[in-house]
Structure formats: structure tokens, C-alpha cells
């Protein structure tokens, strides 16, 4: 468990599913940051958490409330990709820009480094300056842009990819 200016980072539990759901559904409803179009419920969050337990999901908590969540998932299913993950983070819309995302994502990166993962990938729907800044602040480098791969809210959306190679000394 880690604390930083009233933020506590801990592994997510089943009891966090409703809060995670609430944070995530904001982005589904209001943004193109998530390409999901239909809101999910806490049972779906639990199902995803149970399906993706290794590595574990993490939450940031402030004043007893979950204010962000982050996790890594398999990049591809073939075994040669086993040491590569796609990372995800969502911060409560009222807490953006307050350091919560940086604190949680930095913790996630360090946990994944300790677990022996080699490459982390961040897929960022564009434009999303805050997410680009967050990834680059943690050492991720831009590696490509996929043009118009998503369609949401009546527009085509590009997705950029940022990469962090964990066991290099040049970060």
C-alpha cells in the first residue's frame, strides 16, 4: 500500500466494483476515451476483474472513496506476447489534474516492472492531451497512430500508441 498527499494506492477488491463502474461509465457516456458505447454494471466490472487477475487491478482512494483505477491486460493472446501488456487508467472526472492519475499509474508501472513485464503499451484515443502528458511523464514514447479506427459520438477517432520498455536503463 502506498500513500501520497491523501491518496492511498491499493489492490482493487470486489467491493470496489460499483465505484470503478461509476468512474468508467462517465467516460463511456461522455467521451471517446473509451470505445465502449453502452454503460456497464458492477457485475460486468467484477467479471472483468476476475478474468484479468494477473496482474491485479489497482485503485487510488481518497477520503474512503475510490477515485481512480488502473490495470494491465494482455496485449495479444499468443505466448510470444506474454511479457507485453496494454495498460489502462481512469480517474474520476472530478479528480482529473490533481495528481491522482500520476500517483496511481506510476505505482502500476512499478508493480508491472517488479512482476517482470518487458513492454507496456498505452492506447490513447485522440485528442487526449492529459493522457499523452501522463504517459510521457512516466517515460512512454509515441510509437504510432492508427487513423480513424473507432467511430463514436458521430465521428471517427484516431488512436495513438505509446510504449514503455521497462528493463532499459535509458528511462
N, C-alpha and C. Protein backbone atom coordinates (compact mmCIF):
# COMPACT_ATOMS: atom_id res chain seq x y z
N UNK A 1 0.83 -1.18 0.00
CA UNK A 1 0.00 0.00 0.00
C UNK A 1 0.88 1.24 0.00
N UNK A 2 0.54 2.25 -0.81
CA UNK A 2 1.33 3.46 -0.93
C UNK A 2 0.44 4.66 -0.69
N UNK A 3 0.96 5.69 -0.03
CA UNK A 3 0.20 6.92 0.16
C UNK A 3 0.95 8.11 -0.40
N UNK A 4 0.23 9.08 -0.94
CA UNK A 4 0.82 10.30 -1.46
C UNK A 4 -0.23 11.38 -1.41
N UNK A 5 0.00 12.39 -0.55
CA UNK A 5 -0.93 13.52 -0.38
C UNK A 5 -2.39 13.07 -0.33
N UNK A 6 -2.74 12.32 0.68
CA UNK A 6 -4.09 11.85 0.94
C UNK A 6 -4.60 10.83 -0.08
N UNK A 7 -3.74 10.31 -0.91
CA UNK A 7 -4.13 9.28 -1.86
C UNK A 7 -3.51 7.97 -1.38
N UNK A 8 -4.32 6.94 -1.29
CA UNK A 8 -3.85 5.61 -0.94
C UNK A 8 -4.02 4.71 -2.15
N UNK A 9 -2.96 4.01 -2.50
CA UNK A 9 -2.99 3.07 -3.62
C UNK A 9 -3.05 1.67 -3.02
N UNK A 10 -4.02 0.88 -3.51
CA UNK A 10 -4.15 -0.50 -3.02
C UNK A 10 -4.73 -1.37 -4.13
N UNK A 11 -4.62 -2.68 -3.93
CA UNK A 11 -5.23 -3.62 -4.88
C UNK A 11 -6.74 -3.44 -4.84
N UNK A 12 -7.35 -3.53 -5.99
CA UNK A 12 -8.81 -3.45 -6.07
C UNK A 12 -9.42 -4.72 -5.48
N UNK A 13 -10.57 -4.57 -4.85
CA UNK A 13 -11.33 -5.71 -4.31
C UNK A 13 -12.70 -5.73 -4.98
N UNK A 14 -13.43 -6.81 -4.74
CA UNK A 14 -14.79 -6.92 -5.29
C UNK A 14 -15.67 -5.75 -4.85
N UNK A 15 -15.44 -5.25 -3.64
CA UNK A 15 -16.24 -4.14 -3.12
C UNK A 15 -16.02 -2.83 -3.89
N UNK A 16 -14.95 -2.76 -4.66
CA UNK A 16 -14.66 -1.55 -5.44
C UNK A 16 -15.40 -1.50 -6.77
N UNK A 17 -16.03 -2.60 -7.15
CA UNK A 17 -16.67 -2.68 -8.47
C UNK A 17 -17.69 -1.56 -8.73
N UNK A 18 -18.58 -1.23 -7.78
CA UNK A 18 -19.52 -0.14 -8.07
C UNK A 18 -18.83 1.21 -8.32
N UNK A 19 -17.79 1.51 -7.56
CA UNK A 19 -17.08 2.78 -7.75
C UNK A 19 -16.34 2.79 -9.08
N UNK A 20 -15.69 1.67 -9.42
CA UNK A 20 -14.99 1.55 -10.70
C UNK A 20 -16.00 1.73 -11.84
N UNK A 21 -17.13 1.10 -11.70
CA UNK A 21 -18.20 1.18 -12.70
C UNK A 21 -18.64 2.63 -12.88
N UNK A 22 -18.84 3.34 -11.81
CA UNK A 22 -19.27 4.74 -11.87
C UNK A 22 -18.24 5.62 -12.57
N UNK A 23 -16.97 5.44 -12.22
CA UNK A 23 -15.90 6.21 -12.87
C UNK A 23 -15.87 5.92 -14.36
N UNK A 24 -15.91 4.66 -14.71
CA UNK A 24 -15.78 4.26 -16.11
C UNK A 24 -17.00 4.66 -16.94
N UNK A 25 -18.20 4.53 -16.39
CA UNK A 25 -19.40 4.87 -17.14
C UNK A 25 -19.44 6.35 -17.54
N UNK A 26 -18.84 7.21 -16.74
CA UNK A 26 -18.75 8.63 -17.14
C UNK A 26 -18.06 8.74 -18.50
N UNK A 27 -16.95 8.02 -18.66
CA UNK A 27 -16.18 8.09 -19.91
C UNK A 27 -16.93 7.42 -21.07
N UNK A 28 -17.66 6.36 -20.77
CA UNK A 28 -18.46 5.72 -21.82
C UNK A 28 -19.51 6.70 -22.33
N UNK A 29 -20.21 7.35 -21.41
CA UNK A 29 -21.31 8.26 -21.77
C UNK A 29 -20.83 9.53 -22.47
N UNK A 30 -19.75 10.10 -21.98
CA UNK A 30 -19.42 11.48 -22.31
C UNK A 30 -18.20 11.70 -23.19
N UNK A 31 -17.45 10.65 -23.48
CA UNK A 31 -16.20 10.85 -24.21
C UNK A 31 -15.97 9.76 -25.25
N UNK A 32 -14.94 9.96 -26.03
CA UNK A 32 -14.46 8.92 -26.94
C UNK A 32 -13.21 8.24 -26.37
N UNK A 33 -12.89 8.52 -25.13
CA UNK A 33 -11.72 7.93 -24.49
C UNK A 33 -11.89 6.41 -24.40
N UNK A 34 -13.09 5.95 -24.07
CA UNK A 34 -13.42 4.52 -24.13
C UNK A 34 -14.22 4.30 -25.39
N UNK A 35 -13.93 3.24 -26.11
CA UNK A 35 -14.70 2.92 -27.31
C UNK A 35 -15.95 2.10 -26.99
N UNK A 36 -16.16 1.78 -25.73
CA UNK A 36 -17.43 1.15 -25.38
C UNK A 36 -18.52 2.19 -25.55
N UNK A 37 -19.70 1.73 -25.97
CA UNK A 37 -20.80 2.67 -26.19
C UNK A 37 -21.96 2.46 -25.23
N UNK A 38 -22.03 1.29 -24.60
CA UNK A 38 -23.09 1.01 -23.65
C UNK A 38 -22.49 0.93 -22.25
N UNK A 39 -23.15 1.60 -21.31
CA UNK A 39 -22.67 1.56 -19.93
C UNK A 39 -22.65 0.12 -19.42
N UNK A 40 -21.78 -0.11 -18.46
CA UNK A 40 -21.66 -1.44 -17.86
C UNK A 40 -22.14 -1.35 -16.41
N UNK A 41 -22.38 -2.52 -15.81
CA UNK A 41 -22.78 -2.53 -14.40
C UNK A 41 -21.66 -3.14 -13.55
N UNK A 42 -21.86 -3.11 -12.26
CA UNK A 42 -20.84 -3.61 -11.33
C UNK A 42 -20.54 -5.08 -11.56
N UNK A 43 -21.54 -5.86 -11.96
CA UNK A 43 -21.29 -7.29 -12.23
C UNK A 43 -20.33 -7.47 -13.40
N UNK A 44 -20.44 -6.62 -14.41
CA UNK A 44 -19.51 -6.70 -15.54
C UNK A 44 -18.10 -6.32 -15.09
N UNK A 45 -17.98 -5.30 -14.25
CA UNK A 45 -16.66 -4.93 -13.71
C UNK A 45 -16.08 -6.12 -12.95
N UNK A 46 -16.88 -6.75 -12.10
CA UNK A 46 -16.40 -7.92 -11.35
C UNK A 46 -15.95 -9.03 -12.28
N UNK A 47 -16.70 -9.27 -13.33
CA UNK A 47 -16.34 -10.29 -14.30
C UNK A 47 -14.99 -9.98 -14.93
N UNK A 48 -14.79 -8.73 -15.30
CA UNK A 48 -13.51 -8.33 -15.91
C UNK A 48 -12.37 -8.43 -14.92
N UNK A 49 -12.63 -8.02 -13.68
CA UNK A 49 -11.58 -8.11 -12.65
C UNK A 49 -11.18 -9.56 -12.41
N UNK A 50 -12.15 -10.45 -12.41
CA UNK A 50 -11.85 -11.87 -12.16
C UNK A 50 -11.16 -12.51 -13.36
N UNK A 51 -11.49 -12.05 -14.56
CA UNK A 51 -10.88 -12.58 -15.78
C UNK A 51 -9.44 -12.08 -15.92
N UNK A 52 -9.18 -10.89 -15.42
CA UNK A 52 -7.87 -10.24 -15.58
C UNK A 52 -7.21 -10.04 -14.22
N UNK A 53 -6.95 -11.13 -13.51
CA UNK A 53 -6.41 -11.02 -12.15
C UNK A 53 -4.88 -10.98 -12.11
N UNK A 54 -4.24 -11.37 -13.17
CA UNK A 54 -2.78 -11.41 -13.16
C UNK A 54 -2.27 -10.60 -14.34
N UNK A 55 -1.78 -9.42 -14.12
CA UNK A 55 -1.57 -8.76 -12.84
C UNK A 55 -2.87 -8.18 -12.27
N UNK A 56 -2.85 -7.83 -10.97
CA UNK A 56 -4.07 -7.33 -10.33
C UNK A 56 -4.44 -5.91 -10.76
N UNK A 57 -5.69 -5.57 -10.53
CA UNK A 57 -6.17 -4.20 -10.71
C UNK A 57 -5.79 -3.40 -9.47
N UNK A 58 -5.60 -2.10 -9.65
CA UNK A 58 -5.25 -1.20 -8.55
C UNK A 58 -6.23 -0.05 -8.50
N UNK A 59 -6.46 0.49 -7.30
CA UNK A 59 -7.30 1.67 -7.15
C UNK A 59 -6.55 2.72 -6.35
N UNK A 60 -6.93 3.98 -6.59
CA UNK A 60 -6.50 5.10 -5.76
C UNK A 60 -7.70 5.50 -4.93
N UNK A 61 -7.46 5.67 -3.65
CA UNK A 61 -8.54 6.00 -2.73
C UNK A 61 -8.22 7.32 -2.04
N UNK A 62 -9.23 8.14 -1.86
CA UNK A 62 -9.09 9.40 -1.14
C UNK A 62 -10.30 9.57 -0.25
N UNK A 63 -10.07 9.85 1.02
CA UNK A 63 -11.16 10.02 1.99
C UNK A 63 -12.16 8.87 1.95
N UNK A 64 -11.66 7.65 1.80
CA UNK A 64 -12.51 6.47 1.82
C UNK A 64 -13.24 6.17 0.53
N UNK A 65 -12.99 6.96 -0.52
CA UNK A 65 -13.66 6.72 -1.80
C UNK A 65 -12.66 6.39 -2.89
N UNK A 66 -13.02 5.46 -3.76
CA UNK A 66 -12.19 5.14 -4.91
C UNK A 66 -12.32 6.29 -5.91
N UNK A 67 -11.16 6.84 -6.32
CA UNK A 67 -11.16 7.99 -7.23
C UNK A 67 -10.46 7.69 -8.55
N UNK A 68 -9.89 6.49 -8.69
CA UNK A 68 -9.24 6.10 -9.94
C UNK A 68 -8.97 4.60 -9.89
N UNK A 69 -8.82 4.01 -11.08
CA UNK A 69 -8.43 2.61 -11.16
C UNK A 69 -7.51 2.42 -12.35
N UNK A 70 -6.66 1.39 -12.25
CA UNK A 70 -5.70 1.11 -13.32
C UNK A 70 -5.39 -0.38 -13.33
N UNK A 71 -5.03 -0.88 -14.52
CA UNK A 71 -4.68 -2.28 -14.64
C UNK A 71 -3.93 -2.50 -15.95
N UNK A 72 -3.36 -3.68 -16.08
CA UNK A 72 -2.72 -4.08 -17.33
C UNK A 72 -3.38 -5.34 -17.84
N UNK A 73 -3.54 -5.43 -19.16
CA UNK A 73 -4.12 -6.63 -19.76
C UNK A 73 -3.21 -7.12 -20.88
N UNK A 74 -3.39 -8.39 -21.21
CA UNK A 74 -2.58 -8.98 -22.28
C UNK A 74 -2.72 -8.16 -23.56
N UNK A 75 -1.60 -7.91 -24.21
CA UNK A 75 -1.61 -7.19 -25.48
C UNK A 75 -2.21 -8.06 -26.57
N UNK A 76 -1.76 -9.28 -26.67
CA UNK A 76 -2.26 -10.28 -27.61
C UNK A 76 -2.24 -11.63 -26.89
N UNK A 77 -2.94 -12.60 -27.43
CA UNK A 77 -3.04 -13.89 -26.73
C UNK A 77 -1.93 -14.87 -27.06
N UNK A 78 -1.20 -14.68 -28.13
CA UNK A 78 -0.12 -15.61 -28.46
C UNK A 78 0.98 -15.53 -27.40
N UNK A 79 1.59 -16.66 -27.10
CA UNK A 79 2.54 -16.73 -25.99
C UNK A 79 3.76 -15.84 -26.16
N UNK A 80 4.15 -15.54 -27.37
CA UNK A 80 5.32 -14.68 -27.57
C UNK A 80 5.09 -13.26 -27.04
N UNK A 81 3.83 -12.89 -26.84
CA UNK A 81 3.49 -11.56 -26.30
C UNK A 81 3.34 -11.56 -24.78
N UNK A 82 3.67 -12.63 -24.12
CA UNK A 82 3.36 -12.80 -22.69
C UNK A 82 3.95 -11.71 -21.79
N UNK A 83 5.02 -11.09 -22.19
CA UNK A 83 5.65 -10.06 -21.35
C UNK A 83 5.28 -8.64 -21.78
N UNK A 84 4.24 -8.51 -22.62
CA UNK A 84 3.76 -7.21 -23.08
C UNK A 84 2.33 -7.02 -22.61
N UNK A 85 2.06 -5.86 -22.03
CA UNK A 85 0.72 -5.54 -21.54
C UNK A 85 0.25 -4.22 -22.12
N UNK A 86 -1.06 -4.10 -22.26
CA UNK A 86 -1.67 -2.79 -22.53
C UNK A 86 -2.18 -2.28 -21.20
N UNK A 87 -1.82 -1.08 -20.85
CA UNK A 87 -2.21 -0.51 -19.56
C UNK A 87 -3.40 0.43 -19.73
N UNK A 88 -4.18 0.52 -18.66
CA UNK A 88 -5.39 1.32 -18.67
C UNK A 88 -5.50 2.06 -17.35
N UNK A 89 -5.93 3.32 -17.42
CA UNK A 89 -6.20 4.09 -16.21
C UNK A 89 -7.38 5.00 -16.47
N UNK A 90 -8.24 5.10 -15.46
CA UNK A 90 -9.36 6.04 -15.49
C UNK A 90 -9.42 6.73 -14.14
N UNK A 91 -9.59 8.05 -14.18
CA UNK A 91 -9.65 8.88 -12.97
C UNK A 91 -11.03 9.50 -12.91
N UNK A 92 -11.61 9.53 -11.71
CA UNK A 92 -12.90 10.19 -11.52
C UNK A 92 -12.85 11.58 -12.17
N UNK A 93 -13.88 11.90 -12.92
CA UNK A 93 -13.87 13.14 -13.70
C UNK A 93 -13.70 14.39 -12.83
N UNK A 94 -14.06 14.32 -11.57
CA UNK A 94 -13.90 15.48 -10.67
C UNK A 94 -12.51 15.56 -10.07
N UNK A 95 -11.68 14.54 -10.30
CA UNK A 95 -10.33 14.50 -9.71
C UNK A 95 -9.21 14.63 -10.72
N UNK A 96 -9.55 14.83 -11.97
CA UNK A 96 -8.52 14.96 -13.01
C UNK A 96 -7.67 16.20 -12.76
N UNK A 97 -6.39 16.07 -13.11
CA UNK A 97 -5.47 17.20 -12.98
C UNK A 97 -4.98 17.47 -11.58
N UNK A 98 -5.20 16.54 -10.66
CA UNK A 98 -4.81 16.75 -9.26
C UNK A 98 -3.72 15.78 -8.81
N UNK A 99 -3.11 15.07 -9.75
CA UNK A 99 -2.01 14.16 -9.41
C UNK A 99 -2.42 12.74 -9.08
N UNK A 100 -3.71 12.48 -9.02
CA UNK A 100 -4.19 11.13 -8.71
C UNK A 100 -3.74 10.15 -9.78
N UNK A 101 -3.95 10.51 -11.04
CA UNK A 101 -3.59 9.62 -12.14
C UNK A 101 -2.10 9.31 -12.16
N UNK A 102 -1.28 10.33 -11.96
CA UNK A 102 0.17 10.13 -11.97
C UNK A 102 0.58 9.18 -10.84
N UNK A 103 0.06 9.42 -9.65
CA UNK A 103 0.41 8.58 -8.50
C UNK A 103 0.02 7.12 -8.73
N UNK A 104 -1.19 6.90 -9.21
CA UNK A 104 -1.66 5.54 -9.45
C UNK A 104 -0.92 4.87 -10.60
N UNK A 105 -0.76 5.59 -11.71
CA UNK A 105 -0.13 4.99 -12.89
C UNK A 105 1.34 4.68 -12.63
N UNK A 106 2.01 5.56 -11.90
CA UNK A 106 3.42 5.30 -11.54
C UNK A 106 3.50 4.02 -10.71
N UNK A 107 2.57 3.85 -9.78
CA UNK A 107 2.54 2.63 -8.97
C UNK A 107 2.31 1.40 -9.85
N UNK A 108 1.36 1.50 -10.77
CA UNK A 108 1.08 0.38 -11.68
C UNK A 108 2.33 0.01 -12.48
N UNK A 109 3.00 1.00 -13.03
CA UNK A 109 4.21 0.74 -13.83
C UNK A 109 5.26 0.03 -12.98
N UNK A 110 5.46 0.50 -11.76
CA UNK A 110 6.47 -0.13 -10.89
C UNK A 110 6.08 -1.56 -10.52
N UNK A 111 4.81 -1.80 -10.27
CA UNK A 111 4.36 -3.15 -9.96
C UNK A 111 4.59 -4.08 -11.15
N UNK A 112 4.27 -3.60 -12.34
CA UNK A 112 4.44 -4.42 -13.54
C UNK A 112 5.92 -4.67 -13.83
N UNK A 113 6.76 -3.68 -13.53
CA UNK A 113 8.21 -3.86 -13.67
C UNK A 113 8.68 -4.98 -12.72
N UNK A 114 8.22 -4.92 -11.47
CA UNK A 114 8.63 -5.93 -10.48
C UNK A 114 8.11 -7.32 -10.84
N UNK A 115 6.99 -7.38 -11.53
CA UNK A 115 6.44 -8.68 -11.95
C UNK A 115 7.12 -9.24 -13.19
N UNK A 116 8.06 -8.48 -13.75
CA UNK A 116 8.85 -9.00 -14.86
C UNK A 116 8.31 -8.73 -16.25
N UNK A 117 7.35 -7.83 -16.37
CA UNK A 117 6.88 -7.49 -17.71
C UNK A 117 7.93 -6.67 -18.43
N UNK A 118 7.97 -6.75 -19.74
CA UNK A 118 9.01 -6.10 -20.53
C UNK A 118 8.53 -4.83 -21.21
N UNK A 119 7.34 -4.85 -21.81
CA UNK A 119 6.82 -3.70 -22.55
C UNK A 119 5.40 -3.38 -22.08
N UNK A 120 5.16 -2.08 -21.87
CA UNK A 120 3.81 -1.59 -21.59
C UNK A 120 3.38 -0.70 -22.75
N UNK A 121 2.14 -0.86 -23.16
CA UNK A 121 1.58 -0.07 -24.26
C UNK A 121 0.37 0.70 -23.76
N UNK A 122 0.30 1.97 -24.12
CA UNK A 122 -0.86 2.77 -23.81
C UNK A 122 -1.53 3.19 -25.10
N UNK A 123 -2.77 2.77 -25.31
CA UNK A 123 -3.55 3.20 -26.46
C UNK A 123 -4.39 4.39 -26.05
N UNK A 124 -4.22 5.51 -26.75
CA UNK A 124 -4.87 6.76 -26.34
C UNK A 124 -5.71 7.30 -27.48
N UNK A 125 -7.05 7.33 -27.28
CA UNK A 125 -7.94 7.94 -28.27
C UNK A 125 -7.58 9.42 -28.38
N UNK A 126 -7.55 9.91 -29.60
CA UNK A 126 -7.09 11.28 -29.85
C UNK A 126 -8.24 12.21 -30.21
N UNK A 127 -8.14 13.46 -29.79
CA UNK A 127 -7.10 14.04 -28.96
C UNK A 127 -7.34 13.77 -27.47
N UNK A 128 -6.27 13.66 -26.72
CA UNK A 128 -6.35 13.49 -25.27
C UNK A 128 -5.02 13.95 -24.68
N UNK A 129 -4.85 15.26 -24.62
CA UNK A 129 -3.59 15.85 -24.15
C UNK A 129 -3.22 15.39 -22.74
N UNK A 130 -4.20 15.26 -21.86
CA UNK A 130 -3.90 14.87 -20.48
C UNK A 130 -3.29 13.47 -20.42
N UNK A 131 -3.85 12.55 -21.18
CA UNK A 131 -3.33 11.19 -21.18
C UNK A 131 -1.96 11.12 -21.84
N UNK A 132 -1.77 11.87 -22.92
CA UNK A 132 -0.46 11.92 -23.57
C UNK A 132 0.58 12.44 -22.58
N UNK A 133 0.26 13.53 -21.89
CA UNK A 133 1.19 14.10 -20.89
C UNK A 133 1.51 13.09 -19.80
N UNK A 134 0.48 12.40 -19.30
CA UNK A 134 0.68 11.40 -18.24
C UNK A 134 1.63 10.31 -18.71
N UNK A 135 1.36 9.74 -19.87
CA UNK A 135 2.22 8.67 -20.37
C UNK A 135 3.65 9.15 -20.59
N UNK A 136 3.82 10.29 -21.21
CA UNK A 136 5.17 10.79 -21.49
C UNK A 136 5.91 11.16 -20.21
N UNK A 137 5.19 11.65 -19.22
CA UNK A 137 5.83 11.97 -17.94
C UNK A 137 6.40 10.71 -17.28
N UNK A 138 5.78 9.57 -17.55
CA UNK A 138 6.25 8.31 -16.98
C UNK A 138 7.24 7.58 -17.89
N UNK A 139 7.62 8.21 -19.00
CA UNK A 139 8.65 7.63 -19.86
C UNK A 139 8.15 6.93 -21.10
N UNK A 140 6.84 6.86 -21.29
CA UNK A 140 6.30 6.25 -22.51
C UNK A 140 6.69 7.12 -23.71
N UNK A 141 6.96 6.47 -24.82
CA UNK A 141 7.32 7.16 -26.07
C UNK A 141 6.26 6.86 -27.13
N UNK A 142 5.90 7.87 -27.96
CA UNK A 142 4.94 7.61 -29.03
C UNK A 142 5.54 6.68 -30.08
N UNK A 143 4.75 5.68 -30.50
CA UNK A 143 5.25 4.71 -31.48
C UNK A 143 4.35 4.56 -32.70
N UNK A 144 3.18 5.15 -32.68
CA UNK A 144 2.34 5.03 -33.87
C UNK A 144 0.96 5.61 -33.67
N UNK A 145 0.33 5.89 -34.80
CA UNK A 145 -1.03 6.43 -34.80
C UNK A 145 -1.89 5.62 -35.76
N UNK A 146 -2.99 5.11 -35.26
CA UNK A 146 -3.95 4.38 -36.09
C UNK A 146 -5.07 5.37 -36.42
N UNK A 147 -5.25 5.65 -37.69
CA UNK A 147 -6.20 6.66 -38.13
C UNK A 147 -7.61 6.08 -38.21
N UNK A 148 -8.55 6.80 -37.63
CA UNK A 148 -9.98 6.53 -37.78
C UNK A 148 -10.37 5.07 -37.51
N UNK A 149 -9.81 4.49 -36.46
CA UNK A 149 -10.11 3.09 -36.15
C UNK A 149 -11.35 2.92 -35.27
N UNK A 150 -11.84 4.02 -34.71
CA UNK A 150 -13.05 3.97 -33.90
C UNK A 150 -14.05 4.98 -34.38
N UNK A 151 -15.33 4.68 -34.17
CA UNK A 151 -16.39 5.62 -34.52
C UNK A 151 -17.32 5.72 -33.33
N UNK A 152 -17.37 6.90 -32.73
CA UNK A 152 -18.20 7.11 -31.55
C UNK A 152 -18.64 8.56 -31.51
N UNK A 153 -19.82 8.80 -31.01
CA UNK A 153 -20.38 10.15 -30.91
C UNK A 153 -20.34 10.86 -32.27
N UNK A 154 -20.70 10.12 -33.30
CA UNK A 154 -20.83 10.67 -34.66
C UNK A 154 -19.53 11.18 -35.27
N UNK A 155 -18.42 10.59 -34.87
CA UNK A 155 -17.15 10.98 -35.50
C UNK A 155 -16.14 9.85 -35.45
N UNK A 156 -15.22 9.90 -36.42
CA UNK A 156 -14.11 8.95 -36.45
C UNK A 156 -13.05 9.38 -35.46
N UNK A 157 -12.44 8.40 -34.81
CA UNK A 157 -11.45 8.68 -33.76
C UNK A 157 -10.16 7.93 -34.05
N UNK A 158 -9.04 8.66 -33.98
CA UNK A 158 -7.71 8.07 -34.11
C UNK A 158 -7.27 7.53 -32.75
N UNK A 159 -6.39 6.53 -32.77
CA UNK A 159 -5.80 6.01 -31.54
C UNK A 159 -4.29 6.01 -31.71
N UNK A 160 -3.62 6.72 -30.81
CA UNK A 160 -2.17 6.71 -30.78
C UNK A 160 -1.68 5.68 -29.78
N UNK A 161 -0.50 5.12 -30.05
CA UNK A 161 0.09 4.17 -29.11
C UNK A 161 1.41 4.71 -28.57
N UNK A 162 1.55 4.57 -27.26
CA UNK A 162 2.76 4.95 -26.54
C UNK A 162 3.31 3.69 -25.90
N UNK A 163 4.65 3.58 -25.87
CA UNK A 163 5.32 2.37 -25.42
C UNK A 163 6.34 2.71 -24.34
N UNK A 164 6.42 1.84 -23.34
CA UNK A 164 7.44 1.93 -22.31
C UNK A 164 8.13 0.58 -22.23
N UNK A 165 9.43 0.56 -22.51
CA UNK A 165 10.22 -0.66 -22.36
C UNK A 165 10.80 -0.61 -20.94
N UNK A 166 10.42 -1.57 -20.12
CA UNK A 166 10.68 -1.49 -18.68
C UNK A 166 12.09 -1.81 -18.26
N UNK A 167 12.79 -2.68 -18.96
CA UNK A 167 14.09 -3.08 -18.44
C UNK A 167 15.25 -2.45 -19.20
N UNK A 168 15.05 -1.22 -19.61
CA UNK A 168 16.13 -0.46 -20.23
C UNK A 168 16.58 0.63 -19.28
N UNK A 169 17.86 0.92 -19.31
CA UNK A 169 18.41 1.94 -18.42
C UNK A 169 18.18 3.36 -18.92
N UNK A 170 17.69 3.53 -20.16
CA UNK A 170 17.57 4.87 -20.72
C UNK A 170 16.26 5.59 -20.37
N UNK A 171 15.53 5.10 -19.38
CA UNK A 171 14.28 5.78 -18.99
C UNK A 171 14.51 6.54 -17.72
